[in-house]
């Protein structure tokens, strides 16, 4: 879907093309509604909703819908006394997985499992044999704090690389570029437009169109 098509869809859904009322809505308001709609749709797919409770990877459809935002990056961390850390990328939106690539003695390039734990529980995990970082059992844990991921090694191995898989921020829609093609699939674009129309209709007190957009949004997610 292009920006031009999106604008036409918004006008049609508001049922105002014939009166040209939609043209009186400033472009920046349409942009704001679309980008808010994208954020709302992504949040709902990632976290699930009240009716279904399933998140990003709990159904095939949600995996497919969000796959365009999945991104792999490999980082060289800075190793500290008990952990190695990497900066969280600027385009980071949601976490997917961390894979530490570690070494110990003559063993190099070993990929190990890492589980997320809360920073408040680090001391407990480090002191427990069953949960402390282990090169032998190829497992460790990581935390998120102060714009960084910390991958704990507890001096048992060296973290050489960190592969971070995450959901990036979507591209912002700027309607002045009318030929810009949205990065989402056509059916997803239409769901996002449902969100945008709901926002615009709410702002303009168009109750009927708000209710219709709300109904479509609930039925299609």
Protein backbone atom coordinates (compact mmCIF):
# COMPACT_ATOMS: atom_id res chain seq x y z
CA UNK A 1 0.00 0.00 0.00
CA UNK A 2 1.26 3.47 -0.88
CA UNK A 3 0.66 6.68 1.04
CA UNK A 4 -1.67 7.85 -1.72
CA UNK A 5 -3.78 4.70 -1.37
CA UNK A 6 -3.81 5.07 2.40
CA UNK A 7 -5.12 8.63 2.16
CA UNK A 8 -7.88 7.52 -0.20
CA UNK A 9 -8.78 4.66 2.16
CA UNK A 10 -9.05 7.03 5.10
CA UNK A 11 -11.32 9.34 3.14
CA UNK A 12 -13.52 6.48 1.98
CA UNK A 13 -13.81 4.96 5.45
CA UNK A 14 -14.87 8.29 6.89
CA UNK A 15 -17.56 8.45 4.17
CA UNK A 16 -16.67 12.07 3.46
CA UNK A 17 -15.20 12.08 -0.02
CA UNK A 18 -18.35 13.49 -1.56
CA UNK A 19 -18.45 16.45 0.84
CA UNK A 20 -14.66 16.88 0.86
CA UNK A 21 -14.73 17.08 4.69
CA UNK A 22 -11.82 14.67 4.93
CA UNK A 23 -9.66 17.10 2.96
CA UNK A 24 -10.12 19.63 5.76
CA UNK A 25 -8.33 17.30 8.19
CA UNK A 26 -4.73 18.45 8.29
CA UNK A 27 -2.11 16.11 6.87
CA UNK A 28 -0.20 16.06 10.14
CA UNK A 29 -3.31 14.76 11.92
CA UNK A 30 -3.63 11.93 9.40
CA UNK A 31 0.06 11.13 9.82
CA UNK A 32 -0.27 11.18 13.59
CA UNK A 33 -3.30 8.89 13.47
CA UNK A 34 -1.58 6.42 11.13
CA UNK A 35 1.60 6.25 13.20
CA UNK A 36 -0.40 5.90 16.40
CA UNK A 37 -2.41 3.20 14.67
CA UNK A 38 0.79 1.34 13.78
CA UNK A 39 1.99 1.55 17.39
CA UNK A 40 -1.34 0.32 18.75
CA UNK A 41 -1.49 -2.58 16.30
CA UNK A 42 2.10 -3.67 17.06
CA UNK A 43 1.52 -3.46 20.82
CA UNK A 44 -1.60 -5.59 20.55
CA UNK A 45 0.11 -8.24 18.42
CA UNK A 46 3.13 -8.39 20.72
CA UNK A 47 1.35 -8.40 24.05
CA UNK A 48 -1.95 -10.03 23.09
CA UNK A 49 -5.35 -8.67 24.03
CA UNK A 50 -7.89 -9.29 26.76
CA UNK A 51 -9.96 -11.69 24.70
CA UNK A 52 -7.18 -13.94 23.42
CA UNK A 53 -4.22 -13.35 25.71
CA UNK A 54 -1.79 -14.63 23.08
CA UNK A 55 1.33 -12.65 22.30
CA UNK A 56 3.65 -12.26 19.35
CA UNK A 57 4.70 -15.86 18.83
CA UNK A 58 1.72 -17.77 20.21
CA UNK A 59 -0.03 -18.06 16.85
CA UNK A 60 1.27 -18.49 13.31
CA UNK A 61 -0.61 -15.42 12.16
CA UNK A 62 1.05 -13.13 14.66
CA UNK A 63 4.49 -14.51 13.78
CA UNK A 64 3.87 -13.75 10.10
CA UNK A 65 2.41 -10.30 10.79
CA UNK A 66 5.35 -9.14 12.92
CA UNK A 67 8.16 -10.89 11.04
CA UNK A 68 8.85 -7.78 8.95
CA UNK A 69 10.00 -6.06 12.17
CA UNK A 70 12.31 -8.84 13.38
CA UNK A 71 15.97 -7.93 13.18
CA UNK A 72 19.26 -9.72 14.00
CA UNK A 73 22.31 -7.81 15.18
CA UNK A 74 25.65 -9.11 16.44
CA UNK A 75 27.58 -7.09 19.00
CA UNK A 76 31.00 -7.22 20.58
CA UNK A 77 30.29 -6.69 24.28
CA UNK A 78 32.42 -5.06 26.93
CA UNK A 79 33.30 -7.67 29.56
CA UNK A 80 33.03 -6.59 33.18
CA UNK A 81 33.83 -8.46 36.38
CA UNK A 82 30.71 -10.63 36.47
CA UNK A 83 28.95 -9.83 33.22
CA UNK A 84 29.33 -8.56 29.68
CA UNK A 85 27.08 -5.82 28.38
CA UNK A 86 25.84 -4.35 25.12
CA UNK A 87 23.99 -1.14 24.34
CA UNK A 88 20.34 -1.52 23.35
CA UNK A 89 20.01 -0.39 19.68
CA UNK A 90 18.23 2.89 18.97
CA UNK A 91 15.59 1.19 16.82
CA UNK A 92 14.80 -1.43 19.50
CA UNK A 93 11.10 -1.92 20.29
CA UNK A 94 10.60 -5.39 21.82
CA UNK A 95 12.83 -8.24 22.88
CA UNK A 96 12.91 -11.60 21.12
CA UNK A 97 16.09 -13.45 22.13
CA UNK A 98 19.73 -13.15 23.15
CA UNK A 99 22.34 -15.72 22.13
CA UNK A 100 25.77 -15.31 23.76
CA UNK A 101 28.75 -16.64 21.80
CA UNK A 102 31.36 -17.54 24.37
CA UNK A 103 34.76 -19.13 24.92
CA UNK A 104 36.64 -20.86 27.72
CA UNK A 105 40.20 -22.14 27.45
CA UNK A 106 40.64 -23.69 24.00
CA UNK A 107 36.90 -23.89 23.33
CA UNK A 108 35.70 -21.00 21.14
CA UNK A 109 32.55 -19.86 19.35
CA UNK A 110 30.20 -21.76 21.62
CA UNK A 111 26.58 -20.60 21.48
CA UNK A 112 24.82 -20.95 24.79
CA UNK A 113 21.30 -20.42 26.08
CA UNK A 114 20.43 -17.26 28.00
CA UNK A 115 17.26 -16.66 30.03
CA UNK A 116 15.91 -13.27 31.05
CA UNK A 117 15.77 -12.53 34.79
CA UNK A 118 14.97 -9.39 36.72
CA UNK A 119 17.94 -7.37 37.91
CA UNK A 120 16.69 -7.66 41.49
CA UNK A 121 17.19 -11.44 41.35
CA UNK A 122 20.79 -11.46 40.08
CA UNK A 123 22.45 -12.25 43.42
CA UNK A 124 20.13 -15.19 43.99
CA UNK A 125 20.80 -16.60 40.51
CA UNK A 126 24.57 -16.19 40.86
CA UNK A 127 24.69 -17.99 44.19
CA UNK A 128 22.51 -20.91 43.11
CA UNK A 129 24.42 -23.75 41.41
CA UNK A 130 21.38 -24.65 39.31
CA UNK A 131 20.97 -21.17 37.84
CA UNK A 132 24.45 -19.63 37.85
CA UNK A 133 26.24 -19.13 34.50
CA UNK A 134 27.83 -22.38 33.36
CA UNK A 135 30.08 -23.03 30.39
CA UNK A 136 29.81 -26.76 31.08
CA UNK A 137 26.02 -26.74 30.80
CA UNK A 138 26.02 -24.01 28.13
CA UNK A 139 23.57 -21.72 29.87
CA UNK A 140 23.43 -18.35 31.55
CA UNK A 141 21.04 -15.46 32.13
CA UNK A 142 20.74 -11.80 31.19
CA UNK A 143 19.10 -8.65 32.52
CA UNK A 144 18.07 -5.31 31.08
CA UNK A 145 19.11 -2.11 32.86
CA UNK A 146 20.00 1.49 32.02
CA UNK A 147 19.69 1.07 28.26
CA UNK A 148 21.86 -2.06 28.22
CA UNK A 149 21.62 -5.83 28.25
CA UNK A 150 23.87 -7.55 30.76
CA UNK A 151 24.86 -11.14 30.03
CA UNK A 152 26.29 -12.78 33.14
CA UNK A 153 29.36 -15.03 32.99
CA UNK A 154 30.35 -15.02 36.69
CA UNK A 155 34.00 -15.45 35.58
CA UNK A 156 33.23 -18.92 34.22
CA UNK A 157 33.71 -17.96 30.55
CA UNK A 158 34.28 -14.98 28.25
CA UNK A 159 31.44 -13.51 26.21
CA UNK A 160 32.99 -12.81 22.81
CA UNK A 161 29.88 -11.89 20.82
CA UNK A 162 26.22 -11.35 21.52
CA UNK A 163 23.54 -12.02 18.93
CA UNK A 164 20.45 -9.97 19.69
CA UNK A 165 17.17 -10.70 17.92
CA UNK A 166 14.55 -8.02 18.47
CA UNK A 167 11.54 -6.25 17.04
CA UNK A 168 12.63 -2.90 15.64
CA UNK A 169 10.62 0.29 15.50
CA UNK A 170 8.52 0.56 12.35
CA UNK A 171 9.29 3.18 9.72
CA UNK A 172 7.44 6.44 10.36
CA UNK A 173 4.82 7.34 7.79
CA UNK A 174 5.29 10.77 6.18
CA UNK A 175 2.38 11.42 3.82
CA UNK A 176 4.13 14.08 1.74
CA UNK A 177 5.89 11.23 -0.06
CA UNK A 178 2.73 9.93 -1.72
CA UNK A 179 4.52 7.10 -3.56
CA UNK A 180 6.09 5.64 -0.42
CA UNK A 181 5.21 1.95 -0.05
CA UNK A 182 4.36 0.74 3.45
CA UNK A 183 6.50 -2.09 4.80
CA UNK A 184 3.56 -4.16 6.02
CA UNK A 185 1.46 -6.62 4.04
CA UNK A 186 -1.70 -5.29 2.40
CA UNK A 187 -4.07 -6.94 4.90
CA UNK A 188 -2.07 -5.59 7.83
CA UNK A 189 -2.10 -2.10 6.29
CA UNK A 190 -5.89 -2.22 6.28
CA UNK A 191 -5.96 -3.21 9.95
CA UNK A 192 -3.68 -0.29 10.72
CA UNK A 193 -6.00 2.01 8.80
CA UNK A 194 -8.87 0.76 10.98
CA UNK A 195 -6.88 2.05 13.95
CA UNK A 196 -6.13 5.36 12.23
CA UNK A 197 -9.78 5.93 11.27
CA UNK A 198 -10.82 5.14 14.84
CA UNK A 199 -8.42 7.78 16.13
CA UNK A 200 -9.51 10.41 13.59
CA UNK A 201 -13.20 9.63 14.12
CA UNK A 202 -12.74 9.95 17.87
CA UNK A 203 -10.96 13.29 17.49
CA UNK A 204 -13.68 14.61 15.15
CA UNK A 205 -16.54 13.12 17.22
CA UNK A 206 -17.66 10.93 14.33
CA UNK A 207 -19.32 8.36 16.59
CA UNK A 208 -20.65 6.05 13.87
CA UNK A 209 -17.32 5.71 12.09
CA UNK A 210 -15.53 5.30 15.40
CA UNK A 211 -17.81 2.39 16.32
CA UNK A 212 -17.38 0.76 12.91
CA UNK A 213 -13.60 1.08 13.06
CA UNK A 214 -13.58 -0.28 16.62
CA UNK A 215 -15.66 -3.28 15.55
CA UNK A 216 -13.33 -4.04 12.60
CA UNK A 217 -10.29 -3.69 14.85
CA UNK A 218 -11.65 -6.18 17.40
CA UNK A 219 -12.80 -8.70 14.79
CA UNK A 220 -9.56 -8.74 12.81
CA UNK A 221 -7.01 -9.15 15.60
